[in-house]
């Protein structure tokens, strides 16, 4: 089922872009911590990055947005 049939396609795409930027920023911060030599903090930061990435992926799949 497509989530929220009352939502316009452009609004769904905008929300997907926002979620993607958040997930990308979290992943970039995790990589930056790992490169900077803080593997413990990078491992901790990987958890929220994975969660945000999963939410973005799920949102795209639920709304029929191709990858």
PDB file of N, CA and C in Angstrom:
ATOM      1  N   UNK A   1       0.841  -1.185   0.000  1.00  0.00           N
ATOM      2  CA  UNK A   1       0.000   0.000   0.000  1.00  0.00           C
ATOM      3  C   UNK A   1       0.881   1.242   0.000  1.00  0.00           C
ATOM      4  N   UNK A   2       0.528   2.185  -0.808  1.00  0.00           N
ATOM      5  CA  UNK A   2       1.262   3.439  -0.831  1.00  0.00           C
ATOM      6  C   UNK A   2       0.866   4.254   0.383  1.00  0.00           C
ATOM      7  N   UNK A   3       1.863   4.741   1.096  1.00  0.00           N
ATOM      8  CA  UNK A   3       1.595   5.487   2.318  1.00  0.00           C
ATOM      9  C   UNK A   3       0.986   6.851   2.045  1.00  0.00           C
ATOM     10  N   UNK A   4      -0.103   7.167   2.704  1.00  0.00           N
ATOM     11  CA  UNK A   4      -0.719   8.483   2.611  1.00  0.00           C
ATOM     12  C   UNK A   4      -1.121   8.881   1.209  1.00  0.00           C
ATOM     13  N   UNK A   5      -2.184   8.296   0.704  1.00  0.00           N
ATOM     14  CA  UNK A   5      -2.614   8.574  -0.662  1.00  0.00           C
ATOM     15  C   UNK A   5      -2.962  10.049  -0.864  1.00  0.00           C
ATOM     16  N   UNK A   6      -3.209  10.780   0.225  1.00  0.00           N
ATOM     17  CA  UNK A   6      -3.542  12.190   0.092  1.00  0.00           C
ATOM     18  C   UNK A   6      -2.304  13.051  -0.149  1.00  0.00           C
ATOM     19  N   UNK A   7      -1.123  12.488   0.083  1.00  0.00           N
ATOM     20  CA  UNK A   7       0.111  13.233  -0.134  1.00  0.00           C
ATOM     21  C   UNK A   7       0.400  13.341  -1.626  1.00  0.00           C
ATOM     22  N   UNK A   8       0.868  14.495  -2.028  1.00  0.00           N
ATOM     23  CA  UNK A   8       1.240  14.654  -3.430  1.00  0.00           C
ATOM     24  C   UNK A   8       2.573  13.977  -3.681  1.00  0.00           C
ATOM     25  N   UNK A   9       2.794  13.592  -4.925  1.00  0.00           N
ATOM     26  CA  UNK A   9       4.030  12.907  -5.293  1.00  0.00           C
ATOM     27  C   UNK A   9       5.248  13.789  -5.016  1.00  0.00           C
ATOM     28  N   UNK A  10       5.125  15.080  -5.294  1.00  0.00           N
ATOM     29  CA  UNK A  10       6.262  15.977  -5.065  1.00  0.00           C
ATOM     30  C   UNK A  10       6.596  16.085  -3.580  1.00  0.00           C
ATOM     31  N   UNK A  11       5.581  16.041  -2.726  1.00  0.00           N
ATOM     32  CA  UNK A  11       5.832  16.099  -1.289  1.00  0.00           C
ATOM     33  C   UNK A  11       6.535  14.825  -0.820  1.00  0.00           C
ATOM     34  N   UNK A  12       6.123  13.686  -1.355  1.00  0.00           N
ATOM     35  CA  UNK A  12       6.761  12.421  -1.000  1.00  0.00           C
ATOM     36  C   UNK A  12       8.218  12.426  -1.453  1.00  0.00           C
ATOM     37  N   UNK A  13       8.485  12.913  -2.662  1.00  0.00           N
ATOM     38  CA  UNK A  13       9.855  12.977  -3.163  1.00  0.00           C
ATOM     39  C   UNK A  13      10.701  13.942  -2.345  1.00  0.00           C
ATOM     40  N   UNK A  14      10.107  15.052  -1.933  1.00  0.00           N
ATOM     41  CA  UNK A  14      10.817  16.029  -1.099  1.00  0.00           C
ATOM     42  C   UNK A  14      11.181  15.410   0.248  1.00  0.00           C
ATOM     43  N   UNK A  15      10.235  14.680   0.826  1.00  0.00           N
ATOM     44  CA  UNK A  15      10.501  14.026   2.109  1.00  0.00           C
ATOM     45  C   UNK A  15      11.588  12.957   1.955  1.00  0.00           C
ATOM     46  N   UNK A  16      11.558  12.244   0.845  1.00  0.00           N
ATOM     47  CA  UNK A  16      12.576  11.230   0.594  1.00  0.00           C
ATOM     48  C   UNK A  16      13.960  11.860   0.462  1.00  0.00           C
ATOM     49  N   UNK A  17      14.014  12.995  -0.215  1.00  0.00           N
ATOM     50  CA  UNK A  17      15.295  13.693  -0.374  1.00  0.00           C
ATOM     51  C   UNK A  17      15.828  14.131   0.989  1.00  0.00           C
ATOM     52  N   UNK A  18      14.941  14.650   1.833  1.00  0.00           N
ATOM     53  CA  UNK A  18      15.331  15.097   3.167  1.00  0.00           C
ATOM     54  C   UNK A  18      15.875  13.930   3.989  1.00  0.00           C
ATOM     55  N   UNK A  19      15.186  12.803   3.938  1.00  0.00           N
ATOM     56  CA  UNK A  19      15.640  11.626   4.674  1.00  0.00           C
ATOM     57  C   UNK A  19      16.974  11.126   4.126  1.00  0.00           C
ATOM     58  N   UNK A  20      17.156  11.202   2.816  1.00  0.00           N
ATOM     59  CA  UNK A  20      18.404  10.777   2.201  1.00  0.00           C
ATOM     60  C   UNK A  20      19.569  11.656   2.607  1.00  0.00           C
ATOM     61  N   UNK A  21      19.335  12.955   2.672  1.00  0.00           N
ATOM     62  CA  UNK A  21      20.391  13.887   3.099  1.00  0.00           C
ATOM     63  C   UNK A  21      20.778  13.618   4.548  1.00  0.00           C
ATOM     64  N   UNK A  22      19.797  13.375   5.393  1.00  0.00           N
ATOM     65  CA  UNK A  22      20.081  13.081   6.797  1.00  0.00           C
ATOM     66  C   UNK A  22      20.902  11.795   6.925  1.00  0.00           C
ATOM     67  N   UNK A  23      20.503  10.764   6.193  1.00  0.00           N
ATOM     68  CA  UNK A  23      21.226   9.499   6.247  1.00  0.00           C
ATOM     69  C   UNK A  23      22.639   9.656   5.697  1.00  0.00           C
ATOM     70  N   UNK A  24      22.776  10.404   4.617  1.00  0.00           N
ATOM     71  CA  UNK A  24      24.097  10.629   4.028  1.00  0.00           C
ATOM     72  C   UNK A  24      25.008  11.414   4.949  1.00  0.00           C
ATOM     73  N   UNK A  25      24.465  12.421   5.606  1.00  0.00           N
ATOM     74  CA  UNK A  25      25.265  13.227   6.532  1.00  0.00           C
ATOM     75  C   UNK A  25      25.722  12.381   7.723  1.00  0.00           C
ATOM     76  N   UNK A  26      24.844  11.532   8.224  1.00  0.00           N
ATOM     77  CA  UNK A  26      25.218  10.669   9.343  1.00  0.00           C
ATOM     78  C   UNK A  26      26.299   9.672   8.919  1.00  0.00           C
ATOM     79  N   UNK A  27      26.171   9.130   7.716  1.00  0.00           N
ATOM     80  CA  UNK A  27      27.186   8.195   7.217  1.00  0.00           C
ATOM     81  C   UNK A  27      28.523   8.909   7.009  1.00  0.00           C
ATOM     82  N   UNK A  28      28.476  10.123   6.470  1.00  0.00           N
ATOM     83  CA  UNK A  28      29.711  10.891   6.257  1.00  0.00           C
ATOM     84  C   UNK A  28      30.390  11.219   7.584  1.00  0.00           C
ATOM     85  N   UNK A  29      29.617  11.556   8.595  1.00  0.00           N
ATOM     86  CA  UNK A  29      30.180  11.842   9.914  1.00  0.00           C
ATOM     87  C   UNK A  29      30.822  10.595  10.503  1.00  0.00           C
ATOM     88  N   UNK A  30      30.192   9.447  10.287  1.00  0.00           N
ATOM     89  CA  UNK A  30      30.757   8.190  10.784  1.00  0.00           C
ATOM     90  C   UNK A  30      32.095   7.902  10.118  1.00  0.00           C
ATOM     91  N   UNK A  31      32.150   8.078   8.810  1.00  0.00           N
ATOM     92  CA  UNK A  31      33.402   7.851   8.081  1.00  0.00           C
ATOM     93  C   UNK A  31      34.464   8.849   8.531  1.00  0.00           C
ATOM     94  N   UNK A  32      34.075  10.104   8.725  1.00  0.00           N
ATOM     95  CA  UNK A  32      35.033  11.118   9.168  1.00  0.00           C
ATOM     96  C   UNK A  32      35.620  10.763  10.533  1.00  0.00           C
ATOM     97  N   UNK A  33      34.789  10.260  11.422  1.00  0.00           N
ATOM     98  CA  UNK A  33      35.291   9.846  12.737  1.00  0.00           C
ATOM     99  C   UNK A  33      36.265   8.676  12.615  1.00  0.00           C
ATOM    100  N   UNK A  34      35.959   7.752  11.733  1.00  0.00           N
ATOM    101  CA  UNK A  34      36.842   6.602  11.542  1.00  0.00           C
ATOM    102  C   UNK A  34      38.182   7.036  10.958  1.00  0.00           C
ATOM    103  N   UNK A  35      38.143   7.936   9.986  1.00  0.00           N
ATOM    104  CA  UNK A  35      39.372   8.428   9.355  1.00  0.00           C
ATOM    105  C   UNK A  35      40.188   9.251  10.343  1.00  0.00           C
ATOM    106  N   UNK A  36      39.523   9.994  11.204  1.00  0.00           N
ATOM    107  CA  UNK A  36      40.208  10.848  12.175  1.00  0.00           C
ATOM    108  C   UNK A  36      40.852  10.037  13.296  1.00  0.00           C
ATOM    109  N   UNK A  37      40.622   8.749  13.315  1.00  0.00           N
ATOM    110  CA  UNK A  37      41.264   7.914  14.324  1.00  0.00           C
ATOM    111  C   UNK A  37      40.452   7.745  15.591  1.00  0.00           C
ATOM    112  N   UNK A  38      39.166   7.846  15.482  1.00  0.00           N
ATOM    113  CA  UNK A  38      38.300   7.652  16.645  1.00  0.00           C
ATOM    114  C   UNK A  38      37.361   6.471  16.367  1.00  0.00           C
ATOM    115  N   UNK A  39      37.909   5.264  16.327  1.00  0.00           N
ATOM    116  CA  UNK A  39      37.077   4.111  15.948  1.00  0.00           C
ATOM    117  C   UNK A  39      35.939   3.815  16.929  1.00  0.00           C
ATOM    118  N   UNK A  40      36.137   4.098  18.197  1.00  0.00           N
ATOM    119  CA  UNK A  40      35.064   3.851  19.174  1.00  0.00           C
ATOM    120  C   UNK A  40      33.885   4.774  18.891  1.00  0.00           C
ATOM    121  N   UNK A  41      34.174   6.060  18.666  1.00  0.00           N
ATOM    122  CA  UNK A  41      33.105   7.006  18.364  1.00  0.00           C
ATOM    123  C   UNK A  41      32.475   6.695  17.004  1.00  0.00           C
ATOM    124  N   UNK A  42      33.283   6.237  16.065  1.00  0.00           N
ATOM    125  CA  UNK A  42      32.759   5.869  14.747  1.00  0.00           C
ATOM    126  C   UNK A  42      31.807   4.686  14.867  1.00  0.00           C
ATOM    127  N   UNK A  43      32.145   3.720  15.693  1.00  0.00           N
ATOM    128  CA  UNK A  43      31.271   2.562  15.893  1.00  0.00           C
ATOM    129  C   UNK A  43      29.952   2.978  16.536  1.00  0.00           C
ATOM    130  N   UNK A  44      30.038   3.904  17.487  1.00  0.00           N
ATOM    131  CA  UNK A  44      28.820   4.407  18.135  1.00  0.00           C
ATOM    132  C   UNK A  44      27.979   5.199  17.136  1.00  0.00           C
ATOM    133  N   UNK A  45      28.626   6.012  16.310  1.00  0.00           N
ATOM    134  CA  UNK A  45      27.909   6.835  15.332  1.00  0.00           C
ATOM    135  C   UNK A  45      27.330   5.986  14.202  1.00  0.00           C
ATOM    136  N   UNK A  46      27.844   4.785  13.997  1.00  0.00           N
ATOM    137  CA  UNK A  46      27.342   3.923  12.929  1.00  0.00           C
ATOM    138  C   UNK A  46      25.910   3.459  13.196  1.00  0.00           C
ATOM    139  N   UNK A  47      25.534   3.358  14.456  1.00  0.00           N
ATOM    140  CA  UNK A  47      24.184   2.886  14.790  1.00  0.00           C
ATOM    141  C   UNK A  47      23.116   3.859  14.306  1.00  0.00           C
ATOM    142  N   UNK A  48      23.172   5.146  14.683  1.00  0.00           N
ATOM    143  CA  UNK A  48      22.145   6.056  14.168  1.00  0.00           C
ATOM    144  C   UNK A  48      22.227   6.227  12.647  1.00  0.00           C
ATOM    145  N   UNK A  49      23.430   6.131  12.091  1.00  0.00           N
ATOM    146  CA  UNK A  49      23.563   6.237  10.638  1.00  0.00           C
ATOM    147  C   UNK A  49      22.830   5.083   9.960  1.00  0.00           C
ATOM    148  N   UNK A  50      22.952   3.898  10.513  1.00  0.00           N
ATOM    149  CA  UNK A  50      22.257   2.735   9.956  1.00  0.00           C
ATOM    150  C   UNK A  50      20.743   2.873  10.096  1.00  0.00           C
ATOM    151  N   UNK A  51      20.298   3.384  11.226  1.00  0.00           N
ATOM    152  CA  UNK A  51      18.855   3.572  11.445  1.00  0.00           C
ATOM    153  C   UNK A  51      18.296   4.586  10.456  1.00  0.00           C
ATOM    154  N   UNK A  52      18.989   5.708  10.274  1.00  0.00           N
ATOM    155  CA  UNK A  52      18.521   6.718   9.325  1.00  0.00           C
ATOM    156  C   UNK A  52      18.532   6.176   7.899  1.00  0.00           C
ATOM    157  N   UNK A  53      19.548   5.410   7.567  1.00  0.00           N
ATOM    158  CA  UNK A  53      19.604   4.799   6.244  1.00  0.00           C
ATOM    159  C   UNK A  53      18.463   3.832   6.027  1.00  0.00           C
ATOM    160  N   UNK A  54      18.163   3.040   7.042  1.00  0.00           N
ATOM    161  CA  UNK A  54      17.043   2.110   6.945  1.00  0.00           C
ATOM    162  C   UNK A  54      15.728   2.862   6.781  1.00  0.00           C
ATOM    163  N   UNK A  55      15.487   3.911   7.520  1.00  0.00           N
ATOM    164  CA  UNK A  55      14.237   4.684   7.395  1.00  0.00           C
ATOM    165  C   UNK A  55      14.094   5.280   6.003  1.00  0.00           C
ATOM    166  N   UNK A  56      15.204   5.768   5.443  1.00  0.00           N
ATOM    167  CA  UNK A  56      15.171   6.333   4.094  1.00  0.00           C
ATOM    168  C   UNK A  56      14.833   5.243   3.080  1.00  0.00           C
ATOM    169  N   UNK A  57      15.504   4.107   3.186  1.00  0.00           N
ATOM    170  CA  UNK A  57      15.275   2.981   2.274  1.00  0.00           C
ATOM    171  C   UNK A  57      13.822   2.515   2.362  1.00  0.00           C
ATOM    172  N   UNK A  58      13.315   2.369   3.573  1.00  0.00           N
ATOM    173  CA  UNK A  58      11.942   1.916   3.794  1.00  0.00           C
ATOM    174  C   UNK A  58      10.940   2.921   3.227  1.00  0.00           C
ATOM    175  N   UNK A  59      11.193   4.202   3.433  1.00  0.00           N
ATOM    176  CA  UNK A  59      10.307   5.251   2.918  1.00  0.00           C
ATOM    177  C   UNK A  59      10.222   5.176   1.399  1.00  0.00           C
ATOM    178  N   UNK A  60      11.348   5.012   0.743  1.00  0.00           N
ATOM    179  CA  UNK A  60      11.377   4.927  -0.720  1.00  0.00           C
ATOM    180  C   UNK A  60      10.625   3.686  -1.194  1.00  0.00           C
ATOM    181  N   UNK A  61      10.833   2.567  -0.520  1.00  0.00           N
ATOM    182  CA  UNK A  61      10.176   1.329  -0.917  1.00  0.00           C
ATOM    183  C   UNK A  61       8.651   1.407  -0.723  1.00  0.00           C
ATOM    184  N   UNK A  62       8.219   1.984   0.391  1.00  0.00           N
ATOM    185  CA  UNK A  62       6.791   2.090   0.676  1.00  0.00           C
ATOM    186  C   UNK A  62       6.073   3.014  -0.294  1.00  0.00           C
ATOM    187  N   UNK A  63       6.783   3.986  -0.834  1.00  0.00           N
ATOM    188  CA  UNK A  63       6.165   4.961  -1.730  1.00  0.00           C
ATOM    189  C   UNK A  63       6.450   4.695  -3.201  1.00  0.00           C
ATOM    190  N   UNK A  64       7.031   3.549  -3.489  1.00  0.00           N
ATOM    191  CA  UNK A  64       7.257   3.164  -4.880  1.00  0.00           C
ATOM    192  C   UNK A  64       8.279   4.014  -5.605  1.00  0.00           C
ATOM    193  N   UNK A  65       9.249   4.541  -4.878  1.00  0.00           N
ATOM    194  CA  UNK A  65      10.287   5.377  -5.489  1.00  0.00           C
ATOM    195  C   UNK A  65      11.438   4.461  -5.868  1.00  0.00           C
ATOM    196  N   UNK A  66      11.864   4.535  -7.113  1.00  0.00           N
ATOM    197  CA  UNK A  66      12.961   3.689  -7.572  1.00  0.00           C
ATOM    198  C   UNK A  66      14.287   4.149  -7.010  1.00  0.00           C
ATOM    199  N   UNK A  67      15.210   3.205  -6.942  1.00  0.00           N
ATOM    200  CA  UNK A  67      16.530   3.501  -6.381  1.00  0.00           C
ATOM    201  C   UNK A  67      17.538   3.803  -7.430  1.00  0.00           C
TER     202      UNK A  67
END
